[in-house]
Amino acid sequence: AAMQEIAEQNAQLKDRLANATKELARERKT
């Protein structure tokens, strides 16, 4: 269960990182 939680957190963090990277690119253009 602990490993499954870590895998889910990892997936969520990857999604957040991808979103933050896109937002950063938009902010740089602005």
PDB file of all heavy atoms in Angstrom:
ATOM      1  N   ALA A   1       0.825  -1.213   0.000  1.00  0.00           N
ATOM      2  CA  ALA A   1       0.000   0.000   0.000  1.00  0.00           C
ATOM      3  C   ALA A   1       0.858   1.261   0.000  1.00  0.00           C
ATOM      4  O   ALA A   1       0.558   2.220  -0.706  1.00  0.00           O
ATOM      5  CB  ALA A   1      -0.936  -0.008   1.208  1.00  0.00           C
ATOM      6  N   ALA A   2       1.933   1.269   0.790  1.00  0.00           N
ATOM      7  CA  ALA A   2       2.799   2.446   0.840  1.00  0.00           C
ATOM      8  C   ALA A   2       3.442   2.705  -0.518  1.00  0.00           C
ATOM      9  O   ALA A   2       3.546   3.853  -0.972  1.00  0.00           O
ATOM     10  CB  ALA A   2       3.885   2.261   1.897  1.00  0.00           C
ATOM     11  N   MET A   3       3.839   1.652  -1.193  1.00  0.00           N
ATOM     12  CA  MET A   3       4.451   1.799  -2.513  1.00  0.00           C
ATOM     13  C   MET A   3       3.427   2.315  -3.511  1.00  0.00           C
ATOM     14  O   MET A   3       3.746   3.138  -4.368  1.00  0.00           O
ATOM     15  CB  MET A   3       4.982   0.429  -2.933  1.00  0.00           C
ATOM     16  CG  MET A   3       6.128   0.392  -3.840  1.00  0.00           C
ATOM     17  SD  MET A   3       7.454   1.481  -3.399  1.00  0.00           S
ATOM     18  CE  MET A   3       8.189   1.501  -4.990  1.00  0.00           C
ATOM     19  N   GLN A   4       2.192   1.838  -3.399  1.00  0.00           N
ATOM     20  CA  GLN A   4       1.121   2.294  -4.288  1.00  0.00           C
ATOM     21  C   GLN A   4       0.850   3.779  -4.072  1.00  0.00           C
ATOM     22  O   GLN A   4       0.662   4.526  -5.031  1.00  0.00           O
ATOM     23  CB  GLN A   4      -0.152   1.468  -4.049  1.00  0.00           C
ATOM     24  CG  GLN A   4      -1.278   1.796  -4.997  1.00  0.00           C
ATOM     25  CD  GLN A   4      -0.948   1.473  -6.432  1.00  0.00           C
ATOM     26  OE1 GLN A   4      -0.250   0.522  -6.725  1.00  0.00           O
ATOM     27  NE2 GLN A   4      -1.436   2.292  -7.339  1.00  0.00           N
ATOM     28  N   GLU A   5       0.844   4.216  -2.812  1.00  0.00           N
ATOM     29  CA  GLU A   5       0.643   5.638  -2.497  1.00  0.00           C
ATOM     30  C   GLU A   5       1.751   6.483  -3.108  1.00  0.00           C
ATOM     31  O   GLU A   5       1.486   7.544  -3.680  1.00  0.00           O
ATOM     32  CB  GLU A   5       0.593   5.853  -0.984  1.00  0.00           C
ATOM     33  CG  GLU A   5      -0.683   5.402  -0.333  1.00  0.00           C
ATOM     34  CD  GLU A   5      -0.655   5.631   1.175  1.00  0.00           C
ATOM     35  OE1 GLU A   5      -0.033   6.621   1.622  1.00  0.00           O
ATOM     36  OE2 GLU A   5      -1.242   4.809   1.892  1.00  0.00           O
ATOM     37  N   ILE A   6       2.980   6.016  -2.991  1.00  0.00           N
ATOM     38  CA  ILE A   6       4.109   6.757  -3.550  1.00  0.00           C
ATOM     39  C   ILE A   6       3.986   6.846  -5.068  1.00  0.00           C
ATOM     40  O   ILE A   6       4.235   7.896  -5.667  1.00  0.00           O
ATOM     41  CB  ILE A   6       5.443   6.111  -3.136  1.00  0.00           C
ATOM     42  CG1 ILE A   6       5.681   6.322  -1.639  1.00  0.00           C
ATOM     43  CG2 ILE A   6       6.609   6.668  -3.944  1.00  0.00           C
ATOM     44  CD1 ILE A   6       6.850   5.560  -1.081  1.00  0.00           C
ATOM     45  N   ALA A   7       3.578   5.765  -5.696  1.00  0.00           N
ATOM     46  CA  ALA A   7       3.402   5.771  -7.157  1.00  0.00           C
ATOM     47  C   ALA A   7       2.305   6.758  -7.567  1.00  0.00           C
ATOM     48  O   ALA A   7       2.461   7.492  -8.549  1.00  0.00           O
ATOM     49  CB  ALA A   7       3.069   4.367  -7.648  1.00  0.00           C
ATOM     50  N   GLU A   8       1.211   6.805  -6.811  1.00  0.00           N
ATOM     51  CA  GLU A   8       0.130   7.750  -7.106  1.00  0.00           C
ATOM     52  C   GLU A   8       0.597   9.183  -6.890  1.00  0.00           C
ATOM     53  O   GLU A   8       0.301  10.064  -7.704  1.00  0.00           O
ATOM     54  CB  GLU A   8      -1.089   7.442  -6.244  1.00  0.00           C
ATOM     55  CG  GLU A   8      -1.798   6.161  -6.634  1.00  0.00           C
ATOM     56  CD  GLU A   8      -2.869   5.733  -5.639  1.00  0.00           C
ATOM     57  OE1 GLU A   8      -3.119   6.474  -4.666  1.00  0.00           O
ATOM     58  OE2 GLU A   8      -3.460   4.657  -5.848  1.00  0.00           O
ATOM     59  N   GLN A   9       1.326   9.434  -5.804  1.00  0.00           N
ATOM     60  CA  GLN A   9       1.866  10.775  -5.554  1.00  0.00           C
ATOM     61  C   GLN A   9       2.832  11.176  -6.661  1.00  0.00           C
ATOM     62  O   GLN A   9       2.825  12.327  -7.113  1.00  0.00           O
ATOM     63  CB  GLN A   9       2.591  10.831  -4.202  1.00  0.00           C
ATOM     64  CG  GLN A   9       1.677  10.803  -3.015  1.00  0.00           C
ATOM     65  CD  GLN A   9       2.449  10.750  -1.701  1.00  0.00           C
ATOM     66  OE1 GLN A   9       3.656  10.580  -1.683  1.00  0.00           O
ATOM     67  NE2 GLN A   9       1.733  10.897  -0.602  1.00  0.00           N
ATOM     68  N   ASN A  10       3.641  10.231  -7.104  1.00  0.00           N
ATOM     69  CA  ASN A  10       4.586  10.502  -8.178  1.00  0.00           C
ATOM     70  C   ASN A  10       3.844  10.914  -9.453  1.00  0.00           C
ATOM     71  O   ASN A  10       4.225  11.872 -10.123  1.00  0.00           O
ATOM     72  CB  ASN A  10       5.462   9.275  -8.436  1.00  0.00           C
ATOM     73  CG  ASN A  10       6.571   9.545  -9.410  1.00  0.00           C
ATOM     74  OD1 ASN A  10       7.064  10.659  -9.532  1.00  0.00           O
ATOM     75  ND2 ASN A  10       6.988   8.525 -10.129  1.00  0.00           N
ATOM     76  N   ALA A  11       2.783  10.206  -9.779  1.00  0.00           N
ATOM     77  CA  ALA A  11       1.992  10.535 -10.969  1.00  0.00           C
ATOM     78  C   ALA A  11       1.366  11.919 -10.835  1.00  0.00           C
ATOM     79  O   ALA A  11       1.379  12.717 -11.788  1.00  0.00           O
ATOM     80  CB  ALA A  11       0.915   9.475 -11.191  1.00  0.00           C
ATOM     81  N   GLN A  12       0.839  12.235  -9.656  1.00  0.00           N
ATOM     82  CA  GLN A  12       0.246  13.550  -9.424  1.00  0.00           C
ATOM     83  C   GLN A  12       1.304  14.647  -9.538  1.00  0.00           C
ATOM     84  O   GLN A  12       1.056  15.703 -10.142  1.00  0.00           O
ATOM     85  CB  GLN A  12      -0.405  13.612  -8.044  1.00  0.00           C
ATOM     86  CG  GLN A  12      -1.657  12.779  -7.927  1.00  0.00           C
ATOM     87  CD  GLN A  12      -2.172  12.720  -6.493  1.00  0.00           C
ATOM     88  OE1 GLN A  12      -1.548  13.217  -5.563  1.00  0.00           O
ATOM     89  NE2 GLN A  12      -3.328  12.091  -6.317  1.00  0.00           N
ATOM     90  N   LEU A  13       2.474  14.398  -8.977  1.00  0.00           N
ATOM     91  CA  LEU A  13       3.538  15.396  -9.045  1.00  0.00           C
ATOM     92  C   LEU A  13       4.020  15.598 -10.481  1.00  0.00           C
ATOM     93  O   LEU A  13       4.334  16.725 -10.883  1.00  0.00           O
ATOM     94  CB  LEU A  13       4.709  14.989  -8.142  1.00  0.00           C
ATOM     95  CG  LEU A  13       4.434  15.077  -6.642  1.00  0.00           C
ATOM     96  CD1 LEU A  13       5.597  14.491  -5.853  1.00  0.00           C
ATOM     97  CD2 LEU A  13       4.174  16.513  -6.220  1.00  0.00           C
ATOM     98  N   LYS A  14       4.064  14.529 -11.262  1.00  0.00           N
ATOM     99  CA  LYS A  14       4.441  14.668 -12.675  1.00  0.00           C
ATOM    100  C   LYS A  14       3.428  15.522 -13.417  1.00  0.00           C
ATOM    101  O   LYS A  14       3.796  16.366 -14.234  1.00  0.00           O
ATOM    102  CB  LYS A  14       4.567  13.293 -13.331  1.00  0.00           C
ATOM    103  CG  LYS A  14       5.842  12.577 -12.974  1.00  0.00           C
ATOM    104  CD  LYS A  14       5.933  11.251 -13.688  1.00  0.00           C
ATOM    105  CE  LYS A  14       7.238  10.543 -13.349  1.00  0.00           C
ATOM    106  NZ  LYS A  14       7.379   9.261 -14.041  1.00  0.00           N
ATOM    107  N   ASP A  15       2.138  15.312 -13.122  1.00  0.00           N
ATOM    108  CA  ASP A  15       1.097  16.128 -13.747  1.00  0.00           C
ATOM    109  C   ASP A  15       1.244  17.595 -13.332  1.00  0.00           C
ATOM    110  O   ASP A  15       1.149  18.494 -14.175  1.00  0.00           O
ATOM    111  CB  ASP A  15      -0.300  15.630 -13.369  1.00  0.00           C
ATOM    112  CG  ASP A  15      -0.654  14.318 -14.034  1.00  0.00           C
ATOM    113  OD1 ASP A  15      -0.001  13.959 -15.044  1.00  0.00           O
ATOM    114  OD2 ASP A  15      -1.589  13.645 -13.543  1.00  0.00           O
ATOM    115  N   ARG A  16       1.464  17.825 -12.048  1.00  0.00           N
ATOM    116  CA  ARG A  16       1.633  19.202 -11.567  1.00  0.00           C
ATOM    117  C   ARG A  16       2.861  19.857 -12.185  1.00  0.00           C
ATOM    118  O   ARG A  16       2.826  21.032 -12.551  1.00  0.00           O
ATOM    119  CB  ARG A  16       1.744  19.214 -10.035  1.00  0.00           C
ATOM    120  CG  ARG A  16       0.421  18.925  -9.346  1.00  0.00           C
ATOM    121  CD  ARG A  16       0.525  18.878  -7.844  1.00  0.00           C
ATOM    122  NE  ARG A  16       1.118  20.083  -7.289  1.00  0.00           N
ATOM    123  CZ  ARG A  16       1.564  20.180  -6.046  1.00  0.00           C
ATOM    124  NH1 ARG A  16       1.478  19.143  -5.244  1.00  0.00           N
ATOM    125  NH2 ARG A  16       2.086  21.307  -5.608  1.00  0.00           N
ATOM    126  N   LEU A  17       3.928  19.092 -12.324  1.00  0.00           N
ATOM    127  CA  LEU A  17       5.139  19.622 -12.948  1.00  0.00           C
ATOM    128  C   LEU A  17       4.887  19.977 -14.403  1.00  0.00           C
ATOM    129  O   LEU A  17       5.312  21.036 -14.879  1.00  0.00           O
ATOM    130  CB  LEU A  17       6.287  18.615 -12.842  1.00  0.00           C
ATOM    131  CG  LEU A  17       7.603  19.017 -13.511  1.00  0.00           C
ATOM    132  CD1 LEU A  17       8.150  20.303 -12.896  1.00  0.00           C
ATOM    133  CD2 LEU A  17       8.616  17.898 -13.407  1.00  0.00           C
ATOM    134  N   ALA A  18       4.179  19.125 -15.127  1.00  0.00           N
ATOM    135  CA  ALA A  18       3.860  19.406 -16.530  1.00  0.00           C
ATOM    136  C   ALA A  18       3.015  20.674 -16.638  1.00  0.00           C
ATOM    137  O   ALA A  18       3.275  21.529 -17.497  1.00  0.00           O
ATOM    138  CB  ALA A  18       3.138  18.216 -17.157  1.00  0.00           C
ATOM    139  N   ASN A  19       2.026  20.815 -15.759  1.00  0.00           N
ATOM    140  CA  ASN A  19       1.186  22.014 -15.761  1.00  0.00           C
ATOM    141  C   ASN A  19       1.998  23.260 -15.413  1.00  0.00           C
ATOM    142  O   ASN A  19       1.834  24.311 -16.036  1.00  0.00           O
ATOM    143  CB  ASN A  19       0.012  21.860 -14.793  1.00  0.00           C
ATOM    144  CG  ASN A  19      -0.979  20.819 -15.255  1.00  0.00           C
ATOM    145  OD1 ASN A  19      -1.056  20.502 -16.432  1.00  0.00           O
ATOM    146  ND2 ASN A  19      -1.732  20.259 -14.324  1.00  0.00           N
ATOM    147  N   ALA A  20       2.862  23.149 -14.423  1.00  0.00           N
ATOM    148  CA  ALA A  20       3.701  24.288 -14.026  1.00  0.00           C
ATOM    149  C   ALA A  20       4.663  24.668 -15.146  1.00  0.00           C
ATOM    150  O   ALA A  20       4.913  25.858 -15.376  1.00  0.00           O
ATOM    151  CB  ALA A  20       4.469  23.952 -12.752  1.00  0.00           C
ATOM    152  N   THR A  21       5.176  23.694 -15.865  1.00  0.00           N
ATOM    153  CA  THR A  21       6.079  23.962 -16.979  1.00  0.00           C
ATOM    154  C   THR A  21       5.351  24.712 -18.090  1.00  0.00           C
ATOM    155  O   THR A  21       5.883  25.664 -18.664  1.00  0.00           O
ATOM    156  CB  THR A  21       6.678  22.646 -17.516  1.00  0.00           C
ATOM    157  OG1 THR A  21       7.379  21.993 -16.445  1.00  0.00           O
ATOM    158  CG2 THR A  21       7.633  22.885 -18.655  1.00  0.00           C
ATOM    159  N   LYS A  22       4.111  24.298 -18.382  1.00  0.00           N
ATOM    160  CA  LYS A  22       3.308  24.998 -19.389  1.00  0.00           C
ATOM    161  C   LYS A  22       3.013  26.430 -18.948  1.00  0.00           C
ATOM    162  O   LYS A  22       3.102  27.362 -19.738  1.00  0.00           O
ATOM    163  CB  LYS A  22       2.000  24.246 -19.646  1.00  0.00           C
ATOM    164  CG  LYS A  22       2.176  22.946 -20.388  1.00  0.00           C
ATOM    165  CD  LYS A  22       0.852  22.220 -20.526  1.00  0.00           C
ATOM    166  CE  LYS A  22       1.035  20.837 -21.125  1.00  0.00           C
ATOM    167  NZ  LYS A  22      -0.224  20.075 -21.154  1.00  0.00           N
ATOM    168  N   GLU A  23       2.651  26.584 -17.682  1.00  0.00           N
ATOM    169  CA  GLU A  23       2.360  27.917 -17.143  1.00  0.00           C
ATOM    170  C   GLU A  23       3.606  28.802 -17.188  1.00  0.00           C
ATOM    171  O   GLU A  23       3.525  29.984 -17.531  1.00  0.00           O
ATOM    172  CB  GLU A  23       1.834  27.801 -15.706  1.00  0.00           C
ATOM    173  CG  GLU A  23       1.463  29.128 -15.064  1.00  0.00           C
ATOM    174  CD  GLU A  23       0.275  29.804 -15.727  1.00  0.00           C
ATOM    175  OE1 GLU A  23      -0.568  29.113 -16.317  1.00  0.00           O
ATOM    176  OE2 GLU A  23       0.212  31.045 -15.653  1.00  0.00           O
ATOM    177  N   LEU A  24       4.749  28.238 -16.864  1.00  0.00           N
ATOM    178  CA  LEU A  24       6.002  28.988 -16.914  1.00  0.00           C
ATOM    179  C   LEU A  24       6.293  29.451 -18.340  1.00  0.00           C
ATOM    180  O   LEU A  24       6.703  30.601 -18.560  1.00  0.00           O
ATOM    181  CB  LEU A  24       7.157  28.138 -16.389  1.00  0.00           C
ATOM    182  CG  LEU A  24       8.542  28.775 -16.419  1.00  0.00           C
ATOM    183  CD1 LEU A  24       8.585  30.049 -15.581  1.00  0.00           C
ATOM    184  CD2 LEU A  24       9.594  27.779 -15.951  1.00  0.00           C
ATOM    185  N   ALA A  25       6.064  28.597 -19.315  1.00  0.00           N
ATOM    186  CA  ALA A  25       6.280  28.973 -20.718  1.00  0.00           C
ATOM    187  C   ALA A  25       5.356  30.129 -21.108  1.00  0.00           C
ATOM    188  O   ALA A  25       5.791  31.078 -21.780  1.00  0.00           O
ATOM    189  CB  ALA A  25       6.051  27.766 -21.625  1.00  0.00           C
ATOM    190  N   ARG A  26       4.072  30.069 -20.677  1.00  0.00           N
ATOM    191  CA  ARG A  26       3.147  31.171 -20.953  1.00  0.00           C
ATOM    192  C   ARG A  26       3.612  32.460 -20.292  1.00  0.00           C
ATOM    193  O   ARG A  26       3.585  33.531 -20.900  1.00  0.00           O
ATOM    194  CB  ARG A  26       1.737  30.812 -20.480  1.00  0.00           C
ATOM    195  CG  ARG A  26       1.004  29.860 -21.392  1.00  0.00           C
ATOM    196  CD  ARG A  26      -0.489  29.781 -21.038  1.00  0.00           C
ATOM    197  NE  ARG A  26      -0.725  29.246 -19.705  1.00  0.00           N
ATOM    198  CZ  ARG A  26      -0.906  27.959 -19.439  1.00  0.00           C
ATOM    199  NH1 ARG A  26      -0.883  27.071 -20.416  1.00  0.00           N
ATOM    200  NH2 ARG A  26      -1.112  27.555 -18.213  1.00  0.00           N
ATOM    201  N   GLU A  27       4.036  32.368 -19.045  1.00  0.00           N
ATOM    202  CA  GLU A  27       4.505  33.554 -18.318  1.00  0.00           C
ATOM    203  C   GLU A  27       5.762  34.141 -18.964  1.00  0.00           C
ATOM    204  O   GLU A  27       5.929  35.355 -19.008  1.00  0.00           O
ATOM    205  CB  GLU A  27       4.769  33.217 -16.850  1.00  0.00           C
ATOM    206  CG  GLU A  27       3.517  32.896 -16.049  1.00  0.00           C
ATOM    207  CD  GLU A  27       2.559  34.080 -15.954  1.00  0.00           C
ATOM    208  OE1 GLU A  27       3.010  35.246 -15.922  1.00  0.00           O
ATOM    209  OE2 GLU A  27       1.348  33.826 -15.910  1.00  0.00           O
ATOM    210  N   ARG A  28       6.641  33.298 -19.463  1.00  0.00           N
ATOM    211  CA  ARG A  28       7.845  33.791 -20.137  1.00  0.00           C
ATOM    212  C   ARG A  28       7.483  34.548 -21.406  1.00  0.00           C
ATOM    213  O   ARG A  28       8.088  35.573 -21.715  1.00  0.00           O
ATOM    214  CB  ARG A  28       8.793  32.640 -20.439  1.00  0.00           C
ATOM    215  CG  ARG A  28       9.529  32.148 -19.213  1.00  0.00           C
ATOM    216  CD  ARG A  28      10.481  31.020 -19.544  1.00  0.00           C
ATOM    217  NE  ARG A  28      11.274  30.676 -18.369  1.00  0.00           N
ATOM    218  CZ  ARG A  28      11.992  29.584 -18.256  1.00  0.00           C
ATOM    219  NH1 ARG A  28      12.043  28.721 -19.268  1.00  0.00           N
ATOM    220  NH2 ARG A  28      12.683  29.341 -17.168  1.00  0.00           N
ATOM    221  N   LYS A  29       6.500  34.035 -22.156  1.00  0.00           N
ATOM    222  CA  LYS A  29       6.043  34.735 -23.360  1.00  0.00           C
ATOM    223  C   LYS A  29       5.450  36.090 -22.996  1.00  0.00           C
ATOM    224  O   LYS A  29       5.726  37.101 -23.639  1.00  0.00           O
ATOM    225  CB  LYS A  29       5.011  33.897 -24.123  1.00  0.00           C
ATOM    226  CG  LYS A  29       5.591  32.737 -24.871  1.00  0.00           C
ATOM    227  CD  LYS A  29       4.499  31.986 -25.623  1.00  0.00           C
ATOM    228  CE  LYS A  29       5.076  30.792 -26.358  1.00  0.00           C
ATOM    229  NZ  LYS A  29       4.024  30.034 -27.074  1.00  0.00           N
ATOM    230  N   THR A  30       4.618  36.098 -21.952  1.00  0.00           N
ATOM    231  CA  THR A  30       4.010  37.349 -21.497  1.00  0.00           C
ATOM    232  C   THR A  30       5.082  38.330 -21.045  1.00  0.00           C
ATOM    233  O   THR A  30       5.048  39.514 -21.394  1.00  0.00           O
ATOM    234  CB  THR A  30       3.022  37.081 -20.343  1.00  0.00           C
ATOM    235  OG1 THR A  30       2.026  36.170 -20.790  1.00  0.00           O
ATOM    236  CG2 THR A  30       2.366  38.347 -19.855  1.00  0.00           C
TER     237      THR A  30
END
